[in-house]
Amino acid sequence: MSLTDRQDAILEYLRASIAANGRPPTILEIAEGFGLASPNGVAKHLQALAEKGFIELTRGRARGIRLLEARRASDTLSLPLIGRVAAGIPILVGDHIEREIAVDRALFRPRPRYLLRVQGQSMIEAGILDGDLIGVHPTPDAEHGQIVVARVGEEGITVKRLHRKGRSLRLMPCNPTFAPIDPDPTEDFAVEGLYCGLIRTV
């Protein structure tokens, strides 16, 4: 994934600083090295480098920056983060792209086309937590027991486990404190895609 000129310059600064001093610089030291009055811009560039797979950041540590080996293009996917999905009740979202995120291809199966941010606690027993980014493989076809992203009503998007019984469908939470969703035949309902893995933001 390409870098901006400033991101490339900061990455080279990190490499040179670690080679010379045996440890990474602090954000303040990077800001001073580039003649910047505020460290906020540096923090944003570091976050972008982390999202693109060039560094790893450890929160709460002044020198919590670790260089990563460049990833092979064949090992990564660049996926758009599109809105949010409710692990609770359906929420309304627009089809807008927040940003592109580089992810490890091995974390997902089948191959996702986009990411959604989870909001809610209804899927915690399936290991899907509030704030997770889930990969979605678009398809209207899903088998009994698969976790799906479904549209319920007018632009209501939710993630649940699909249960089929005859011709009837039920969306089951993976948290006993939440109730199942039985799609109303008079409402718009569709399986938008299959859940195919997640990444957890800290």
Foldseek 3Di string as FASTA:
>chain_A
DDDDPVLVVLLVVQVVCCVVPVAGAFLVVSCVVVVHPDSPVVVVSLVVCVQQPQWDADPPDRRRIGGDDDDDPVQKDWAFEAEAAELAWFDAGDGDTPGIGIDGQVQWPPGARHWHAYAYDQAVLVVRHHGKIWGWHFDQDDDQQFWFWKQAADRGTHIFGWHDDPPFIWGHTNDVVGDIDGHDPVGDMTTGGGTIGIDHDD
